[in-house]
Protein backbone atom coordinates (compact mmCIF):
# COMPACT_ATOMS: atom_id res chain seq x y z
CA UNK A 1 193.39 112.03 87.03
CA UNK A 2 190.64 114.54 86.34
CA UNK A 3 187.61 114.89 88.58
CA UNK A 4 185.36 113.57 85.80
CA UNK A 5 187.44 110.42 85.40
CA UNK A 6 187.45 109.88 89.16
CA UNK A 7 183.69 110.31 89.29
CA UNK A 8 183.24 107.85 86.42
CA UNK A 9 185.53 105.31 88.05
CA UNK A 10 183.66 105.61 91.34
CA UNK A 11 180.33 105.16 89.55
CA UNK A 12 181.58 102.06 87.75
CA UNK A 13 182.88 100.59 91.00
CA UNK A 14 179.54 101.31 92.65
CA UNK A 15 177.61 99.68 89.81
CA UNK A 16 179.89 96.66 89.88
CA UNK A 17 179.43 96.39 93.62
CA UNK A 18 175.63 96.55 93.33
CA UNK A 19 175.71 93.96 90.56
CA UNK A 20 177.78 91.66 92.76
CA UNK A 21 175.27 92.07 95.60
CA UNK A 22 172.36 91.28 93.25
CA UNK A 23 174.13 88.16 91.97
CA UNK A 24 174.96 87.00 95.51
CA UNK A 25 171.38 87.52 96.68
CA UNK A 26 170.08 85.53 93.73
CA UNK A 27 172.35 82.59 94.53
CA UNK A 28 171.46 82.23 98.20
CA UNK A 29 171.15 78.62 99.30
CA UNK A 30 171.95 77.07 95.91
CA UNK A 31 175.46 75.77 96.58
CA UNK A 32 174.51 72.26 97.67
CA UNK A 33 171.60 72.14 95.23
CA UNK A 34 173.89 72.76 92.25
CA UNK A 35 175.87 69.66 93.14
CA UNK A 36 172.69 67.60 93.52
CA UNK A 37 171.39 68.77 90.15
CA UNK A 38 174.69 67.95 88.48
CA UNK A 39 174.59 64.44 89.91
CA UNK A 40 170.93 63.73 89.12
CA UNK A 41 169.20 62.99 85.86
CA UNK A 42 165.59 62.70 84.79
CA UNK A 43 164.39 59.10 85.22
CA UNK A 44 163.41 57.14 82.10
CA UNK A 45 159.95 58.02 80.84
CA UNK A 46 158.87 54.42 81.45
CA UNK A 47 159.80 54.57 85.12
CA UNK A 48 156.91 55.33 87.42
CA UNK A 49 157.07 56.33 91.05
CA UNK A 50 155.31 54.51 93.86
CA UNK A 51 151.50 54.77 93.37
CA UNK A 52 151.06 56.16 96.88
CA UNK A 53 153.55 58.94 96.14
CA UNK A 54 151.76 59.76 92.88
CA UNK A 55 148.40 59.85 94.68
CA UNK A 56 149.86 62.18 97.29
CA UNK A 57 151.24 64.41 94.54
CA UNK A 58 147.84 64.54 92.84
CA UNK A 59 146.28 65.65 96.12
CA UNK A 60 148.94 68.33 96.60
CA UNK A 61 148.44 69.58 93.04
CA UNK A 62 144.75 70.10 93.81
CA UNK A 63 145.61 71.80 97.08
CA UNK A 64 147.86 74.19 95.16
CA UNK A 65 145.29 74.64 92.37
CA UNK A 66 148.13 74.07 89.88
CA UNK A 67 145.88 73.04 87.00
CA UNK A 68 143.99 76.33 87.04
CA UNK A 69 146.96 78.32 85.76
CA UNK A 70 148.77 75.56 83.87
CA UNK A 71 145.84 74.67 81.59
CA UNK A 72 144.59 76.90 78.82
CA UNK A 73 140.85 77.25 78.37
CA UNK A 74 139.75 74.22 76.39
CA UNK A 75 143.28 72.80 76.44
CA UNK A 76 144.78 69.65 77.90
CA UNK A 77 145.36 69.56 81.66
CA UNK A 78 148.76 70.87 82.73
CA UNK A 79 149.83 71.54 79.12
CA UNK A 80 150.26 75.24 79.89
CA UNK A 81 149.65 78.14 77.56
CA UNK A 82 147.14 80.01 79.69
CA UNK A 83 147.55 83.76 79.26
CA UNK A 84 148.00 85.49 82.61
CA UNK A 85 147.57 89.23 82.35
CA UNK A 86 149.78 91.35 84.60
CA UNK A 87 150.42 95.11 84.84
CA UNK A 88 153.73 94.45 83.05
CA UNK A 89 152.43 92.42 80.13
CA UNK A 90 151.21 88.87 79.49
CA UNK A 91 152.78 85.74 80.95
CA UNK A 92 152.00 82.31 79.47
CA UNK A 93 151.98 79.39 81.88
CA UNK A 94 154.44 76.56 81.34
CA UNK A 95 153.77 72.99 80.21
CA UNK A 96 153.95 70.70 83.26
CA UNK A 97 153.30 67.43 81.43
CA UNK A 98 156.22 64.99 81.01
CA UNK A 99 156.73 65.84 77.33
CA UNK A 100 160.47 65.71 76.65
CA UNK A 101 160.63 68.72 74.35
CA UNK A 102 158.11 71.15 75.82
CA UNK A 103 157.37 69.94 79.36
CA UNK A 104 159.08 68.36 82.34
CA UNK A 105 160.25 65.22 80.54
CA UNK A 106 163.94 66.05 80.91
CA UNK A 107 163.66 67.62 84.36
CA UNK A 108 165.09 65.87 87.38
CA UNK A 109 163.50 66.00 90.83
CA UNK A 110 166.18 68.44 92.12
CA UNK A 111 165.51 70.78 89.18
CA UNK A 112 161.80 70.73 89.96
CA UNK A 113 162.60 71.47 93.61
CA UNK A 114 164.78 74.38 92.52
CA UNK A 115 161.87 75.81 90.53
CA UNK A 116 159.57 75.70 93.57
CA UNK A 117 162.16 76.70 96.16
CA UNK A 118 164.36 79.13 94.19
CA UNK A 119 162.24 80.24 91.24
CA UNK A 120 164.60 78.94 88.56
CA UNK A 121 163.94 76.85 85.47
CA UNK A 122 165.81 73.63 84.67
CA UNK A 123 168.50 75.60 82.83
CA UNK A 124 168.93 78.05 85.70
CA UNK A 125 166.92 80.82 84.07
CA UNK A 126 165.04 83.08 86.49
CA UNK A 127 161.26 82.57 86.44
CA UNK A 128 158.79 85.43 86.52
CA UNK A 129 157.02 85.93 89.87
CA UNK A 130 153.68 85.34 88.16
CA UNK A 131 154.62 81.83 89.27
CA UNK A 132 154.25 82.37 93.02
CA UNK A 133 157.62 81.00 94.10
CA UNK A 134 157.64 83.43 97.01
CA UNK A 135 154.96 81.06 98.38
CA UNK A 136 156.10 77.73 96.92
CA UNK A 137 159.52 78.27 98.46
CA UNK A 138 157.87 77.15 101.71
CA UNK A 139 156.92 73.73 100.29
CA UNK A 140 159.02 70.98 101.83
CA UNK A 141 161.18 68.66 99.75
CA UNK A 142 159.02 65.57 100.27
CA UNK A 143 155.95 67.39 98.92
CA UNK A 144 157.99 68.75 96.00
CA UNK A 145 159.11 65.24 95.09
CA UNK A 146 155.52 63.96 95.32
CA UNK A 147 154.30 66.74 93.02
CA UNK A 148 157.10 65.90 90.60
CA UNK A 149 156.14 62.22 90.64
CA UNK A 150 152.50 63.05 89.94
CA UNK A 151 153.24 65.45 87.09
CA UNK A 152 155.45 62.83 85.45
CA UNK A 153 152.48 60.45 85.56
CA UNK A 154 150.04 62.64 83.60
CA UNK A 155 149.77 62.14 79.82
CA UNK A 156 152.52 64.04 77.97
CA UNK A 157 151.34 66.81 75.66
CA UNK A 158 153.66 68.03 72.90
CA UNK A 159 152.58 71.63 73.12
CA UNK A 160 155.03 74.48 72.91
CA UNK A 161 154.26 77.47 75.09
CA UNK A 162 154.37 80.98 73.71
CA UNK A 163 157.06 83.33 74.90
CA UNK A 164 156.00 85.86 77.49
CA UNK A 165 154.90 89.23 76.14
CA UNK A 166 156.31 91.51 78.81
CA UNK A 167 157.32 95.12 78.31
CA UNK A 168 160.95 96.19 78.55
CA UNK A 169 162.73 96.04 80.97
CA UNK A 170 160.45 93.51 82.70
CA UNK A 171 161.25 90.96 79.98
CA UNK A 172 164.94 90.80 80.94
CA UNK A 173 166.78 88.49 83.31
CA UNK A 174 168.60 91.50 84.74
CA UNK A 175 165.31 93.11 85.83
CA UNK A 176 164.17 89.82 87.37
CA UNK A 177 167.44 89.52 89.25
CA UNK A 178 167.04 93.00 90.72
CA UNK A 179 163.39 92.27 91.66
CA UNK A 180 164.40 89.06 93.39
CA UNK A 181 167.24 90.76 95.24
CA UNK A 182 164.73 93.27 96.58
CA UNK A 183 161.74 91.06 97.32
CA UNK A 184 162.54 87.34 97.29
CA UNK A 185 164.45 85.12 99.67
CA UNK A 186 164.34 81.30 99.59
CA UNK A 187 163.08 80.01 102.90
CA UNK A 188 161.59 76.99 104.58
CA UNK A 189 158.38 76.78 106.52
CA UNK A 190 159.15 77.11 110.20
CA UNK A 191 156.65 75.54 112.57
CA UNK A 192 155.50 77.70 115.47
CA UNK A 193 156.27 75.63 118.54
CA UNK A 194 153.71 77.57 120.57
CA UNK A 195 150.91 76.34 118.29
CA UNK A 196 149.39 72.91 117.71
CA UNK A 197 150.38 70.55 114.92
CA UNK A 198 146.97 71.20 113.34
CA UNK A 199 147.52 74.97 113.35
CA UNK A 200 150.96 74.55 111.78
CA UNK A 201 149.53 72.30 109.08
CA UNK A 202 146.98 75.01 108.29
CA UNK A 203 149.67 77.70 108.22
CA UNK A 204 151.75 75.55 105.85
CA UNK A 205 148.83 75.11 103.47
CA UNK A 206 147.70 78.75 103.56
CA UNK A 207 151.13 80.38 103.37
CA UNK A 208 152.84 77.93 101.03
CA UNK A 209 151.08 75.43 98.82
CA UNK A 210 147.75 77.27 98.84
CA UNK A 211 149.52 80.60 98.11
CA UNK A 212 146.51 82.48 99.46
CA UNK A 213 148.33 85.78 99.66
CA UNK A 214 148.96 85.71 95.91
CA UNK A 215 145.49 87.27 95.87
CA UNK A 216 144.82 88.31 99.48
CA UNK A 217 147.68 90.83 99.72
CA UNK A 218 148.33 94.28 98.35
CA UNK A 219 151.17 94.74 95.87
CA UNK A 220 153.54 97.62 95.35
CA UNK A 221 154.34 99.30 92.04
CA UNK A 222 156.66 96.43 91.10
CA UNK A 223 154.11 93.74 91.90
CA UNK A 224 155.65 92.55 95.17
CA UNK A 225 153.86 91.71 98.40
CA UNK A 226 155.39 92.11 101.83
CA UNK A 227 155.71 88.31 102.12
CA UNK A 228 153.62 85.13 102.45
CA UNK A 229 152.32 86.20 105.87
CA UNK A 230 150.59 89.25 104.38
CA UNK A 231 146.88 88.45 104.10
CA UNK A 232 145.66 92.01 104.55
CA UNK A 233 143.68 92.16 101.30
CA UNK A 234 144.36 93.68 97.92
CA UNK A 235 143.02 94.40 94.48
CA UNK A 236 143.91 91.59 92.08
CA UNK A 237 145.91 93.33 89.34
CA UNK A 238 144.19 93.71 85.95
CA UNK A 239 141.19 91.55 86.96
CA UNK A 240 139.61 94.23 89.18
CA UNK A 241 138.42 91.85 91.88
CA UNK A 242 139.27 92.71 95.46
CA UNK A 243 140.54 89.80 97.57
CA UNK A 244 139.41 90.91 101.03
CA UNK A 245 141.58 90.93 104.11
CA UNK A 246 141.66 87.65 106.01
CA UNK A 247 142.77 89.50 109.14
CA UNK A 248 140.10 92.20 109.26
CA UNK A 249 136.69 91.23 110.71
CA UNK A 250 135.12 94.00 108.62
CA UNK A 251 136.22 92.23 105.43
CA UNK A 252 136.87 88.47 105.41
CA UNK A 253 138.36 87.75 108.81
CA UNK A 254 136.85 84.61 110.33
CA UNK A 255 138.07 84.84 113.91
CA UNK A 256 134.43 84.89 115.09
CA UNK A 257 133.33 82.05 112.78
CA UNK A 258 133.01 78.49 113.96
CA UNK A 259 135.33 75.88 112.55
CA UNK A 260 132.37 74.15 110.90
CA UNK A 261 131.35 77.35 109.10
CA UNK A 262 134.83 77.90 107.68
CA UNK A 263 135.12 74.28 106.56
CA UNK A 264 131.68 74.46 104.94
CA UNK A 265 132.60 77.56 102.93
CA UNK A 266 135.85 76.01 101.68
CA UNK A 267 134.29 72.60 100.97
CA UNK A 268 130.90 73.52 99.53
CA UNK A 269 131.18 77.19 98.55
CA UNK A 270 128.44 78.28 100.95
CA UNK A 271 128.11 78.73 104.70
CA UNK A 272 124.88 79.30 106.60
CA UNK A 273 125.70 81.75 109.36
CA UNK A 274 123.42 83.47 111.90
CA UNK A 275 123.51 86.65 109.81
CA UNK A 276 122.52 84.83 106.64
CA UNK A 277 124.00 82.88 103.74
CA UNK A 278 127.65 83.49 102.77
CA UNK A 279 128.78 82.34 99.32
CA UNK A 280 132.12 82.04 97.55
CA UNK A 281 131.95 83.62 94.11
CA UNK A 282 134.23 85.31 91.62
CA UNK A 283 137.87 84.15 91.88
CA UNK A 284 137.22 82.53 95.27
CA UNK A 285 134.44 80.46 93.74
CA UNK A 286 137.00 79.09 91.27
CA UNK A 287 139.37 78.25 94.13
CA UNK A 288 136.63 76.25 95.86
CA UNK A 289 135.61 74.55 92.61
CA UNK A 290 139.10 73.52 91.54
CA UNK A 291 140.92 73.18 94.83
CA UNK A 292 139.56 73.37 98.34
CA UNK A 293 136.46 71.20 97.84
CA UNK A 294 138.84 68.32 97.10
CA UNK A 295 140.81 68.64 100.33
CA UNK A 296 140.35 66.34 103.29
CA UNK A 297 138.26 67.46 106.24
CA UNK A 298 141.43 67.27 108.35
CA UNK A 299 143.29 69.73 106.10
CA UNK A 300 140.28 72.04 105.83
CA UNK A 301 139.99 71.95 109.61
CA UNK A 302 143.68 72.80 109.90
CA UNK A 303 143.24 75.76 107.58
CA UNK A 304 140.25 76.87 109.65
CA UNK A 305 142.29 76.61 112.85
CA UNK A 306 144.97 78.86 111.35
CA UNK A 307 142.56 81.35 109.77
CA UNK A 308 140.65 81.74 113.05
CA UNK A 309 143.77 83.16 114.69
CA UNK A 310 144.31 85.86 112.07
CA UNK A 311 143.09 89.15 113.47
CA UNK A 312 141.65 87.34 116.47
CA UNK A 313 142.39 90.33 118.69
CA UNK A 314 141.05 92.93 116.29
CA UNK A 315 138.01 94.81 117.50
CA UNK A 316 135.33 96.44 115.44
CA UNK A 317 133.38 99.26 116.95
CA UNK A 318 129.75 98.95 115.86
CA UNK A 319 128.55 101.95 113.89
CA UNK A 320 126.12 104.38 115.47
CA UNK A 321 122.50 103.54 114.88
CA UNK A 322 121.47 104.73 111.46
CA UNK A 323 118.81 107.44 111.38
CA UNK A 324 115.58 106.73 109.54
CA UNK A 325 116.50 106.69 105.89
CA UNK A 326 114.86 108.99 103.38
CA UNK A 327 114.77 108.33 99.67
CA UNK A 328 117.76 110.58 98.91
CA UNK A 329 118.63 108.31 96.01
CA UNK A 330 115.30 107.62 94.30
CA UNK A 331 116.94 106.33 91.10
CA UNK A 332 118.99 103.75 93.00
CA UNK A 333 115.97 102.80 95.09
CA UNK A 334 113.87 102.20 91.99
CA UNK A 335 116.62 100.15 90.32
CA UNK A 336 116.83 98.00 93.42
CA UNK A 337 113.08 97.48 93.48
CA UNK A 338 113.05 96.57 89.79
CA UNK A 339 116.06 94.26 89.65
CA UNK A 340 117.07 93.08 93.15
CA UNK A 341 114.22 93.07 95.67
CA UNK A 342 112.56 89.92 94.34
CA UNK A 343 115.55 87.89 95.57
CA UNK A 344 117.27 90.00 98.20
CA UNK A 345 114.09 91.35 99.80
CA UNK A 346 112.57 94.80 100.14
CA UNK A 347 114.72 95.43 103.21
CA UNK A 348 117.81 93.60 102.00
CA UNK A 349 117.00 90.64 104.25
CA UNK A 350 117.72 87.95 101.63
CA UNK A 351 116.21 84.45 101.63
CA UNK A 352 117.52 81.85 104.05
CA UNK A 353 119.51 79.13 102.28
CA UNK A 354 119.15 80.75 98.88
CA UNK A 355 120.02 84.44 98.55
CA UNK A 356 122.46 86.34 100.78
CA UNK A 357 121.18 89.29 102.79
CA UNK A 358 122.49 92.70 101.82
CA UNK A 359 121.66 94.40 105.11
CA UNK A 360 124.65 94.14 107.42
CA UNK A 361 126.62 92.22 104.82
CA UNK A 362 130.31 93.09 105.10
CA UNK A 363 130.87 92.16 101.44
CA UNK A 364 128.52 95.05 100.67
CA UNK A 365 130.10 97.60 103.00
CA UNK A 366 133.82 96.95 102.39
CA UNK A 367 135.81 100.07 101.64
CA UNK A 368 136.68 98.87 98.12
CA UNK A 369 133.46 98.37 96.10
CA UNK A 370 135.17 96.44 93.28
CA UNK A 371 133.46 93.11 93.99
CA UNK A 372 130.00 94.65 94.06
CA UNK A 373 130.61 96.16 90.64
CA UNK A 374 131.93 92.89 89.23
CA UNK A 375 129.08 90.84 90.73
CA UNK A 376 126.35 93.04 89.30
CA UNK A 377 128.07 93.34 85.92
CA UNK A 378 129.05 89.68 85.51
CA UNK A 379 126.55 87.93 87.77
CA UNK A 380 127.22 85.97 90.91
CA UNK A 381 127.57 82.20 90.85
CA UNK A 382 128.70 79.98 93.68
CA UNK A 383 130.53 76.80 92.62
CA UNK A 384 128.58 73.58 92.20
CA UNK A 385 129.97 71.08 94.69
CA UNK A 386 128.80 67.71 96.05
CA UNK A 387 127.83 69.47 99.27
CA UNK A 388 125.86 72.14 97.40
CA UNK A 389 125.21 70.79 93.89
CA UNK A 390 122.58 73.31 92.78
CA UNK A 391 123.54 76.75 94.07
CA UNK A 392 121.37 79.73 93.29
CA UNK A 393 122.97 82.38 91.10
CA UNK A 394 122.51 86.01 90.19
CA UNK A 395 122.14 87.01 86.53
CA UNK A 396 124.51 89.57 85.03
CA UNK A 397 123.31 93.12 84.51
CA UNK A 398 126.31 94.41 82.58
CA UNK A 399 124.29 94.79 79.39
CA UNK A 400 121.28 96.27 81.19
CA UNK A 401 122.65 98.92 83.52
CA UNK A 402 124.88 101.85 82.62
CA UNK A 403 127.74 103.06 84.78
CA UNK A 404 125.49 105.78 86.21
CA UNK A 405 122.81 103.18 86.97
CA UNK A 406 125.30 100.94 88.72
CA UNK A 407 126.65 103.80 90.82
CA UNK A 408 123.15 104.76 91.93
CA UNK A 409 122.11 101.17 92.65
CA UNK A 410 125.21 100.27 94.64
CA UNK A 411 125.12 103.52 96.57
CA UNK A 412 121.55 102.70 97.57
CA UNK A 413 122.54 99.22 98.75
CA UNK A 414 125.57 100.50 100.69
CA UNK A 415 123.52 103.17 102.50
CA UNK A 416 120.27 101.35 103.24
CA UNK A 417 118.90 99.12 106.07
CA UNK A 418 121.59 100.27 108.50
CA UNK A 419 124.49 99.96 106.04
CA UNK A 420 126.72 103.02 106.33
CA UNK A 421 129.35 102.60 103.62
CA UNK A 422 130.60 105.29 101.28
CA UNK A 423 128.74 106.06 98.07
CA UNK A 424 129.97 104.52 94.82
CA UNK A 425 130.85 106.98 92.07
CA UNK A 426 130.44 106.54 88.34
CA UNK A 427 134.23 106.87 88.06
CA UNK A 428 134.71 103.90 90.40
CA UNK A 429 132.24 101.81 88.43
CA UNK A 430 134.07 102.66 85.22
CA UNK A 431 137.35 101.62 86.82
CA UNK A 432 136.21 98.30 88.26
CA UNK A 433 133.93 96.99 85.56
CA UNK A 434 136.98 96.88 83.26
CA UNK A 435 136.55 94.91 80.06
CA UNK A 436 132.86 94.48 80.80
CA UNK A 437 132.30 98.22 80.32
CA UNK A 438 129.62 99.08 77.82
């Protein structure tokens, strides 16, 4: 046997071995589930679950903000079809209504559980991780069955969903299998016995059903996070919003917040803190509007209890006192006076209960200025909630200010009134304003 043939044989054996490992890793924990799926069938469409179970499922669906992704703009709730842009192409959300041909009408409860827990469709096909099954794998079976019961109770919508438009090789099952072998493992939520039941409930909601780290985590080149416990902040791919770290007190850590302040922000979209008004806007405003405002005070309190422990031991050294500021950026200073001072104050002090202060505001001084760019370009609007039905908003300036203007303005804000953040360049503005670029 020649050396070339031996090398080829060794390579083929190695490839076959790797393929076997990938297959084995993708089948972890499915042995008993396969038997349950084979033995189960979708209940008749006329059969309805217990009303209490359906009500619980409806609550869980709001907690998971399921409708936000599984409803196209202007479309029927849960009928799918929403385009979700990713760095690898466009994914279209699935139809979760009980339609027999296009939705969940022929799905059984075990098949639905497999989708949440293992990331597989009813026919065993691997789902794309745009559906955050690395988080939903933590959902327990009882909650999965309640969600299933609720979704079978919504009106069926006979709407086919477009095929995903992903680039090769990301549109193949083989690529998904390799990705899952590298980054996904089915698991169950494990309660921390050293913590209270309330803390564990909060951890379950944040890590699993709430899938907070789908936004609040950085992603590698293949779109994977380091796991559901990663809440260290990250740029939301394609959308150019930065979901700040929930563990860093310089970003969005709340270890020094009171429980009432955290609950208020999640329930109403605003929190009045000693340093001034804090508002939820951008993608987080949508989360409050569609999801967290509908949760019980007990669950919001549990989430607060968990979030307060993230980064609780982190320390932040206060910056040295800023020297008296000179007008080194006269263009930015003038833009601020013309467009911002009437609401945010000449010294960035804001207006109590109405407009957030900019002086000492960590949302202003974060290392990544993406949110500042997006807010000024698109405007800033807190969600309207029963607890804060008429929030003040900021108009968009995307059609008024150029990239150079925005860079000068934001640099002024980040370096004034004691703020000591880095300047914002025109290149950064161009990057973050994205589709809103003039």
